[in-house]
Amino acid sequence: MEESDETAVEAALGLSASFFVNSVLNAVDDVRYGAFEYCLQEGAPEAVGAAMATQKSEELERGVISIHNLVKDVLDKRMSNWEKYCLRHCFAIPEGFLIREDDIPAKKSLNDGNSDSDLDAELVSLRKKLEDANNESEELQKELSSLERQAECQRNLDSSMAELLKVFESKAFQDNFQDLVNVIPLFQRKLEGMKRKIVENIDDQIDWNVNGHHKRLASGFTARTEDSQDVVNVLKKY
């Protein structure tokens, strides 16, 4: 392919072999120059720091410059060969290569008179997407905070349940609970006795109203008071 055709294809694709090669060569030169410049600065008189420091510094500078020139010659030859290889092989365009019209975004953009309006519309769309993403992020943050609060409540509940379980499993609680189980039948018997005496008191009241048996009524109330006190004493023990 002729050089003019290659240049046209490179321009259409937005490529520039010479620009790439020159950029690499300039970068290599900058690194090389910076390295030897650093050596020269390190060899300054104040760095040598001894008698006849200036003379030693000059000798060191001449040595560094000589090495620099030697490295530059070798590096220039190597980079020249690298440049030829890139241009002949890496950036060589095959014979008969054709580029499709839809592969030329730059040309398409230039021929499109509405490119600015399209960019504005795309910018508005991106802003809308960003706003939606921010809103979604806020909702997710609220949900995350709610989940964290629920998790904290659950941890507190688990901790409380664990402490309560320890109390239930303790020997003192088991002993007290067993004592309470043992006293329940006694408590039930006392209640049944009280119920019977309440019925007897009611009968006594009726009998008193009819026959005036004051003595029997007093005896009934005394018995009920004593039974109530027995129940209270049993409960106070546990």
C-alpha atoms as a PDB file:
ATOM      1  CA  MET A   1       0.000   0.000   0.000  1.00  0.00           C
ATOM      2  CA  GLU A   2       1.306   3.459  -0.918  1.00  0.00           C
ATOM      3  CA  GLU A   3       2.317   5.894   1.763  1.00  0.00           C
ATOM      4  CA  SER A   4      -0.549   8.303   0.995  1.00  0.00           C
ATOM      5  CA  ASP A   5      -3.103   5.504   1.366  1.00  0.00           C
ATOM      6  CA  GLU A   6      -1.542   4.388   4.643  1.00  0.00           C
ATOM      7  CA  THR A   7      -1.674   7.938   5.943  1.00  0.00           C
ATOM      8  CA  ALA A   8      -5.351   8.220   4.994  1.00  0.00           C
ATOM      9  CA  VAL A   9      -6.211   4.960   6.737  1.00  0.00           C
ATOM     10  CA  GLU A  10      -4.288   5.980   9.856  1.00  0.00           C
ATOM     11  CA  ALA A  11      -6.083   9.310   9.942  1.00  0.00           C
ATOM     12  CA  ALA A  12      -9.458   7.623   9.489  1.00  0.00           C
ATOM     13  CA  LEU A  13      -8.780   5.244  12.366  1.00  0.00           C
ATOM     14  CA  GLY A  14      -7.356   7.958  14.591  1.00  0.00           C
ATOM     15  CA  LEU A  15      -3.903   6.348  14.604  1.00  0.00           C
ATOM     16  CA  SER A  16      -0.461   7.872  14.202  1.00  0.00           C
ATOM     17  CA  ALA A  17       2.526   5.545  14.082  1.00  0.00           C
ATOM     18  CA  SER A  18       5.013   8.406  14.011  1.00  0.00           C
ATOM     19  CA  PHE A  19       3.412  10.053  17.036  1.00  0.00           C
ATOM     20  CA  PHE A  20       3.612   6.816  19.014  1.00  0.00           C
ATOM     21  CA  VAL A  21       7.229   6.167  18.047  1.00  0.00           C
ATOM     22  CA  ASN A  22       8.309   9.725  18.801  1.00  0.00           C
ATOM     23  CA  SER A  23       6.554   9.612  22.178  1.00  0.00           C
ATOM     24  CA  VAL A  24       8.425   6.452  23.142  1.00  0.00           C
ATOM     25  CA  LEU A  25      11.766   7.837  21.951  1.00  0.00           C
ATOM     26  CA  ASN A  26      11.225  11.060  23.877  1.00  0.00           C
ATOM     27  CA  ALA A  27      10.314   9.108  27.014  1.00  0.00           C
ATOM     28  CA  VAL A  28      13.501   7.033  26.736  1.00  0.00           C
ATOM     29  CA  ASP A  29      15.575  10.186  26.262  1.00  0.00           C
ATOM     30  CA  ASP A  30      13.965  11.782  29.319  1.00  0.00           C
ATOM     31  CA  VAL A  31      14.756   8.763  31.482  1.00  0.00           C
ATOM     32  CA  ARG A  32      18.332   8.584  30.231  1.00  0.00           C
ATOM     33  CA  TYR A  33      18.927  12.289  30.702  1.00  0.00           C
ATOM     34  CA  GLY A  34      17.352  12.282  34.171  1.00  0.00           C
ATOM     35  CA  ALA A  35      19.485   9.345  35.313  1.00  0.00           C
ATOM     36  CA  PHE A  36      22.795  10.900  34.345  1.00  0.00           C
ATOM     37  CA  GLU A  37      21.720  14.332  35.561  1.00  0.00           C
ATOM     38  CA  TYR A  38      21.134  12.749  38.952  1.00  0.00           C
ATOM     39  CA  CYS A  39      24.643  11.285  38.866  1.00  0.00           C
ATOM     40  CA  LEU A  40      26.113  14.706  38.115  1.00  0.00           C
ATOM     41  CA  GLN A  41      24.202  16.296  40.980  1.00  0.00           C
ATOM     42  CA  GLU A  42      25.419  13.637  43.379  1.00  0.00           C
ATOM     43  CA  GLY A  43      28.984  14.370  42.286  1.00  0.00           C
ATOM     44  CA  ALA A  44      28.793  18.093  43.120  1.00  0.00           C
ATOM     45  CA  PRO A  45      31.644  19.560  45.275  1.00  0.00           C
ATOM     46  CA  GLU A  46      29.502  19.697  48.407  1.00  0.00           C
ATOM     47  CA  ALA A  47      28.687  16.002  47.952  1.00  0.00           C
ATOM     48  CA  VAL A  48      32.352  14.952  47.653  1.00  0.00           C
ATOM     49  CA  GLY A  49      33.190  16.903  50.797  1.00  0.00           C
ATOM     50  CA  ALA A  50      36.965  16.667  51.087  1.00  0.00           C
ATOM     51  CA  ALA A  51      40.100  18.564  50.175  1.00  0.00           C
ATOM     52  CA  MET A  52      40.365  19.242  46.437  1.00  0.00           C
ATOM     53  CA  ALA A  53      36.635  18.492  46.184  1.00  0.00           C
ATOM     54  CA  THR A  54      36.246  20.712  43.121  1.00  0.00           C
ATOM     55  CA  GLN A  55      38.908  18.828  41.167  1.00  0.00           C
ATOM     56  CA  LYS A  56      37.406  15.482  42.091  1.00  0.00           C
ATOM     57  CA  SER A  57      33.968  16.720  41.126  1.00  0.00           C
ATOM     58  CA  GLU A  58      35.200  17.813  37.692  1.00  0.00           C
ATOM     59  CA  GLU A  59      36.857  14.463  37.097  1.00  0.00           C
ATOM     60  CA  LEU A  60      33.677  12.691  38.115  1.00  0.00           C
ATOM     61  CA  GLU A  61      31.638  14.899  35.799  1.00  0.00           C
ATOM     62  CA  ARG A  62      33.890  14.096  32.831  1.00  0.00           C
ATOM     63  CA  GLY A  63      33.581  10.386  33.606  1.00  0.00           C
ATOM     64  CA  VAL A  64      29.804  10.559  33.850  1.00  0.00           C
ATOM     65  CA  ILE A  65      29.562  12.492  30.575  1.00  0.00           C
ATOM     66  CA  SER A  66      31.745   9.920  28.826  1.00  0.00           C
ATOM     67  CA  ILE A  67      29.582   7.072  30.072  1.00  0.00           C
ATOM     68  CA  HIS A  68      26.503   9.061  29.105  1.00  0.00           C
ATOM     69  CA  ASN A  69      27.702   9.493  25.533  1.00  0.00           C
ATOM     70  CA  LEU A  70      28.581   5.815  25.287  1.00  0.00           C
ATOM     71  CA  VAL A  71      25.160   4.773  26.546  1.00  0.00           C
ATOM     72  CA  LYS A  72      23.472   7.282  24.238  1.00  0.00           C
ATOM     73  CA  ASP A  73      25.223   5.889  21.144  1.00  0.00           C
ATOM     74  CA  VAL A  74      24.265   2.322  21.966  1.00  0.00           C
ATOM     75  CA  LEU A  75      20.731   3.292  22.935  1.00  0.00           C
ATOM     76  CA  ASP A  76      20.220   5.367  19.777  1.00  0.00           C
ATOM     77  CA  LYS A  77      21.176   2.406  17.587  1.00  0.00           C
ATOM     78  CA  ARG A  78      18.868   0.062  19.486  1.00  0.00           C
ATOM     79  CA  MET A  79      15.948   2.488  19.412  1.00  0.00           C
ATOM     80  CA  SER A  80      16.519   3.136  15.693  1.00  0.00           C
ATOM     81  CA  ASN A  81      16.164  -0.581  15.010  1.00  0.00           C
ATOM     82  CA  TRP A  82      13.070  -0.660  17.217  1.00  0.00           C
ATOM     83  CA  GLU A  83      11.551   2.256  15.283  1.00  0.00           C
ATOM     84  CA  LYS A  84      12.107   0.519  11.945  1.00  0.00           C
ATOM     85  CA  TYR A  85      10.573  -2.700  13.250  1.00  0.00           C
ATOM     86  CA  CYS A  86       7.473  -0.890  14.522  1.00  0.00           C
ATOM     87  CA  LEU A  87       6.909   0.993  11.284  1.00  0.00           C
ATOM     88  CA  ARG A  88       7.516  -2.045   9.065  1.00  0.00           C
ATOM     89  CA  HIS A  89       5.646  -4.674  11.075  1.00  0.00           C
ATOM     90  CA  CYS A  90       3.582  -3.343  13.967  1.00  0.00           C
ATOM     91  CA  PHE A  91       1.961  -0.472  12.081  1.00  0.00           C
ATOM     92  CA  ALA A  92       2.091  -1.893   8.571  1.00  0.00           C
ATOM     93  CA  ILE A  93      -1.306  -1.827   6.858  1.00  0.00           C
ATOM     94  CA  PRO A  94      -2.027  -4.928   4.741  1.00  0.00           C
ATOM     95  CA  GLU A  95      -2.291  -4.538   0.990  1.00  0.00           C
ATOM     96  CA  GLY A  96      -5.860  -3.969  -0.119  1.00  0.00           C
ATOM     97  CA  PHE A  97      -7.103  -3.109   3.349  1.00  0.00           C
ATOM     98  CA  LEU A  98     -10.430  -1.251   3.229  1.00  0.00           C
ATOM     99  CA  ILE A  99     -12.124   0.559   6.055  1.00  0.00           C
ATOM    100  CA  ARG A 100     -15.894   0.653   6.390  1.00  0.00           C
ATOM    101  CA  GLU A 101     -17.708   3.931   6.707  1.00  0.00           C
ATOM    102  CA  ASP A 102     -19.235   2.919  10.051  1.00  0.00           C
ATOM    103  CA  ASP A 103     -15.721   2.363  11.454  1.00  0.00           C
ATOM    104  CA  ILE A 104     -14.879   6.043  11.171  1.00  0.00           C
ATOM    105  CA  PRO A 105     -16.404   7.719  14.224  1.00  0.00           C
ATOM    106  CA  ALA A 106     -14.526  10.971  13.624  1.00  0.00           C
ATOM    107  CA  LYS A 107     -15.830  11.288  10.066  1.00  0.00           C
ATOM    108  CA  LYS A 108     -19.326  10.373  11.163  1.00  0.00           C
ATOM    109  CA  SER A 109     -19.203  13.002  13.903  1.00  0.00           C
ATOM    110  CA  LEU A 110     -18.098  15.689  11.475  1.00  0.00           C
ATOM    111  CA  ASN A 111     -20.844  14.833   8.999  1.00  0.00           C
ATOM    112  CA  ASP A 112     -23.485  14.806  11.715  1.00  0.00           C
ATOM    113  CA  GLY A 113     -24.859  18.291  12.142  1.00  0.00           C
ATOM    114  CA  ASN A 114     -26.731  17.364  15.320  1.00  0.00           C
ATOM    115  CA  SER A 115     -23.676  16.167  17.245  1.00  0.00           C
ATOM    116  CA  ASP A 116     -23.942  18.977  19.815  1.00  0.00           C
ATOM    117  CA  SER A 117     -27.617  18.322  20.465  1.00  0.00           C
ATOM    118  CA  ASP A 118     -26.916  14.601  20.769  1.00  0.00           C
ATOM    119  CA  LEU A 119     -24.206  15.319  23.311  1.00  0.00           C
ATOM    120  CA  ASP A 120     -26.567  17.571  25.262  1.00  0.00           C
ATOM    121  CA  ALA A 121     -29.236  14.880  25.268  1.00  0.00           C
ATOM    122  CA  GLU A 122     -26.710  12.300  26.394  1.00  0.00           C
ATOM    123  CA  LEU A 123     -25.529  14.646  29.144  1.00  0.00           C
ATOM    124  CA  VAL A 124     -29.103  15.132  30.370  1.00  0.00           C
ATOM    125  CA  SER A 125     -29.615  11.376  30.324  1.00  0.00           C
ATOM    126  CA  LEU A 126     -26.436  10.808  32.321  1.00  0.00           C
ATOM    127  CA  ARG A 127     -27.488  13.427  34.870  1.00  0.00           C
ATOM    128  CA  LYS A 128     -30.871  11.732  35.209  1.00  0.00           C
ATOM    129  CA  LYS A 129     -29.179   8.361  35.725  1.00  0.00           C
ATOM    130  CA  LEU A 130     -26.876   9.913  38.319  1.00  0.00           C
ATOM    131  CA  GLU A 131     -29.838  11.412  40.165  1.00  0.00           C
ATOM    132  CA  ASP A 132     -31.666   8.075  40.117  1.00  0.00           C
ATOM    133  CA  ALA A 133     -28.545   6.336  41.381  1.00  0.00           C
ATOM    134  CA  ASN A 134     -28.222   8.857  44.234  1.00  0.00           C
ATOM    135  CA  ASN A 135     -31.875   8.363  45.193  1.00  0.00           C
ATOM    136  CA  GLU A 136     -31.452   4.609  45.099  1.00  0.00           C
ATOM    137  CA  SER A 137     -28.330   4.952  47.217  1.00  0.00           C
ATOM    138  CA  GLU A 138     -30.270   6.936  49.832  1.00  0.00           C
ATOM    139  CA  GLU A 139     -33.009   4.298  49.930  1.00  0.00           C
ATOM    140  CA  LEU A 140     -30.449   1.537  50.273  1.00  0.00           C
ATOM    141  CA  GLN A 141     -28.733   3.475  53.069  1.00  0.00           C
ATOM    142  CA  LYS A 142     -32.035   3.813  54.929  1.00  0.00           C
ATOM    143  CA  GLU A 143     -32.743   0.116  54.476  1.00  0.00           C
ATOM    144  CA  LEU A 144     -29.243  -0.722  55.653  1.00  0.00           C
ATOM    145  CA  SER A 145     -29.687   1.429  58.764  1.00  0.00           C
ATOM    146  CA  SER A 146     -32.995  -0.298  59.490  1.00  0.00           C
ATOM    147  CA  LEU A 147     -31.400  -3.722  59.125  1.00  0.00           C
ATOM    148  CA  GLU A 148     -28.563  -2.682  61.423  1.00  0.00           C
ATOM    149  CA  ARG A 149     -31.064  -1.567  64.076  1.00  0.00           C
ATOM    150  CA  GLN A 150     -32.962  -4.835  63.746  1.00  0.00           C
ATOM    151  CA  ALA A 151     -29.729  -6.782  64.033  1.00  0.00           C
ATOM    152  CA  GLU A 152     -28.794  -4.815  67.168  1.00  0.00           C
ATOM    153  CA  CYS A 153     -32.198  -5.523  68.715  1.00  0.00           C
ATOM    154  CA  GLN A 154     -31.843  -9.193  67.862  1.00  0.00           C
ATOM    155  CA  ARG A 155     -28.384  -9.299  69.451  1.00  0.00           C
ATOM    156  CA  ASN A 156     -29.739  -7.653  72.605  1.00  0.00           C
ATOM    157  CA  LEU A 157     -32.644 -10.103  72.690  1.00  0.00           C
ATOM    158  CA  ASP A 158     -30.306 -13.059  72.237  1.00  0.00           C
ATOM    159  CA  SER A 159     -28.097 -11.750  75.027  1.00  0.00           C
ATOM    160  CA  SER A 160     -31.074 -11.305  77.356  1.00  0.00           C
ATOM    161  CA  MET A 161     -32.386 -14.765  76.528  1.00  0.00           C
ATOM    162  CA  ALA A 162     -28.969 -16.242  77.211  1.00  0.00           C
ATOM    163  CA  GLU A 163     -28.826 -14.546  80.611  1.00  0.00           C
ATOM    164  CA  LEU A 164     -32.360 -15.686  81.409  1.00  0.00           C
ATOM    165  CA  LEU A 165     -31.500 -19.229  80.372  1.00  0.00           C
ATOM    166  CA  LYS A 166     -28.522 -19.167  82.723  1.00  0.00           C
ATOM    167  CA  VAL A 167     -30.851 -18.176  85.556  1.00  0.00           C
ATOM    168  CA  PHE A 168     -33.278 -20.977  84.679  1.00  0.00           C
ATOM    169  CA  GLU A 169     -30.442 -23.479  84.549  1.00  0.00           C
ATOM    170  CA  SER A 170     -28.944 -22.384  87.879  1.00  0.00           C
ATOM    171  CA  LYS A 171     -29.284 -24.777  90.848  1.00  0.00           C
ATOM    172  CA  ALA A 172     -30.818 -22.121  93.103  1.00  0.00           C
ATOM    173  CA  PHE A 173     -33.645 -21.504  90.629  1.00  0.00           C
ATOM    174  CA  GLN A 174     -34.237 -25.228  90.164  1.00  0.00           C
ATOM    175  CA  ASP A 175     -34.446 -25.721  93.939  1.00  0.00           C
ATOM    176  CA  ASN A 176     -36.860 -22.810  94.394  1.00  0.00           C
ATOM    177  CA  PHE A 177     -38.955 -23.981  91.485  1.00  0.00           C
ATOM    178  CA  GLN A 178     -39.163 -27.488  92.942  1.00  0.00           C
ATOM    179  CA  ASP A 179     -40.209 -26.042  96.310  1.00  0.00           C
ATOM    180  CA  LEU A 180     -42.918 -24.062  94.562  1.00  0.00           C
ATOM    181  CA  VAL A 181     -44.137 -27.204  92.793  1.00  0.00           C
ATOM    182  CA  ASN A 182     -44.259 -29.037  96.122  1.00  0.00           C
ATOM    183  CA  VAL A 183     -46.284 -26.315  97.868  1.00  0.00           C
ATOM    184  CA  ILE A 184     -48.934 -26.040  95.139  1.00  0.00           C
ATOM    185  CA  PRO A 185     -50.935 -29.109  96.373  1.00  0.00           C
ATOM    186  CA  LEU A 186     -50.883 -27.724  99.931  1.00  0.00           C
ATOM    187  CA  PHE A 187     -52.044 -24.368  98.628  1.00  0.00           C
ATOM    188  CA  GLN A 188     -54.881 -26.018  96.717  1.00  0.00           C
ATOM    189  CA  ARG A 189     -55.980 -27.938  99.827  1.00  0.00           C
ATOM    190  CA  LYS A 190     -56.006 -24.751 101.872  1.00  0.00           C
ATOM    191  CA  LEU A 191     -58.096 -23.013  99.222  1.00  0.00           C
ATOM    192  CA  GLU A 192     -60.567 -25.878  99.158  1.00  0.00           C
ATOM    193  CA  GLY A 193     -60.816 -25.718 102.950  1.00  0.00           C
ATOM    194  CA  MET A 194     -61.432 -21.993 102.797  1.00  0.00           C
ATOM    195  CA  LYS A 195     -64.148 -22.484 100.179  1.00  0.00           C
ATOM    196  CA  ARG A 196     -65.881 -25.019 102.395  1.00  0.00           C
ATOM    197  CA  LYS A 197     -65.751 -22.709 105.397  1.00  0.00           C
ATOM    198  CA  ILE A 198     -67.035 -19.813 103.312  1.00  0.00           C
ATOM    199  CA  VAL A 199     -70.026 -21.951 102.416  1.00  0.00           C
ATOM    200  CA  GLU A 200     -70.427 -22.861 106.081  1.00  0.00           C
ATOM    201  CA  ASN A 201     -70.267 -19.169 106.993  1.00  0.00           C
ATOM    202  CA  ILE A 202     -73.001 -18.426 104.502  1.00  0.00           C
ATOM    203  CA  ASP A 203     -75.089 -21.179 106.021  1.00  0.00           C
ATOM    204  CA  ASP A 204     -74.346 -19.767 109.481  1.00  0.00           C
ATOM    205  CA  GLN A 205     -75.430 -16.332 108.292  1.00  0.00           C
ATOM    206  CA  ILE A 206     -78.700 -17.729 107.057  1.00  0.00           C
ATOM    207  CA  ASP A 207     -79.162 -19.682 110.261  1.00  0.00           C
ATOM    208  CA  TRP A 208     -78.394 -16.581 112.321  1.00  0.00           C
ATOM    209  CA  ASN A 209     -80.915 -14.542 110.405  1.00  0.00           C
ATOM    210  CA  VAL A 210     -83.537 -17.183 111.087  1.00  0.00           C
ATOM    211  CA  ASN A 211     -82.682 -18.471 114.581  1.00  0.00           C
ATOM    212  CA  GLY A 212     -80.195 -15.910 115.970  1.00  0.00           C
ATOM    213  CA  HIS A 213     -77.323 -18.374 116.604  1.00  0.00           C
ATOM    214  CA  HIS A 214     -74.659 -15.751 117.277  1.00  0.00           C
ATOM    215  CA  LYS A 215     -72.194 -18.168 118.789  1.00  0.00           C
ATOM    216  CA  ARG A 216     -71.994 -20.414 115.753  1.00  0.00           C
ATOM    217  CA  LEU A 217     -71.488 -17.426 113.440  1.00  0.00           C
ATOM    218  CA  ALA A 218     -68.547 -16.171 115.468  1.00  0.00           C
ATOM    219  CA  SER A 219     -66.971 -19.608 115.427  1.00  0.00           C
ATOM    220  CA  GLY A 220     -67.262 -19.799 111.620  1.00  0.00           C
ATOM    221  CA  PHE A 221     -65.581 -16.465 111.011  1.00  0.00           C
ATOM    222  CA  THR A 222     -62.721 -17.360 113.353  1.00  0.00           C
ATOM    223  CA  ALA A 223     -61.988 -20.526 111.411  1.00  0.00           C
ATOM    224  CA  ARG A 224     -61.898 -18.677 108.071  1.00  0.00           C
ATOM    225  CA  THR A 225     -59.435 -16.081 109.337  1.00  0.00           C
ATOM    226  CA  GLU A 226     -57.049 -18.745 110.565  1.00  0.00           C
ATOM    227  CA  ASP A 227     -57.131 -20.599 107.258  1.00  0.00           C
ATOM    228  CA  SER A 228     -56.381 -17.387 105.353  1.00  0.00           C
ATOM    229  CA  GLN A 229     -53.408 -16.755 107.573  1.00  0.00           C
ATOM    230  CA  ASP A 230     -52.126 -20.297 106.912  1.00  0.00           C
ATOM    231  CA  VAL A 231     -52.194 -19.681 103.170  1.00  0.00           C
ATOM    232  CA  VAL A 232     -50.362 -16.372 103.574  1.00  0.00           C
ATOM    233  CA  ASN A 233     -47.698 -18.060 105.682  1.00  0.00           C
ATOM    234  CA  VAL A 234     -47.171 -20.758 103.057  1.00  0.00           C
ATOM    235  CA  LEU A 235     -46.730 -18.155 100.307  1.00  0.00           C
ATOM    236  CA  LYS A 236     -44.310 -16.100 102.421  1.00  0.00           C
ATOM    237  CA  LYS A 237     -42.019 -19.129 102.707  1.00  0.00           C
ATOM    238  CA  TYR A 238     -41.524 -19.242  98.913  1.00  0.00           C
END
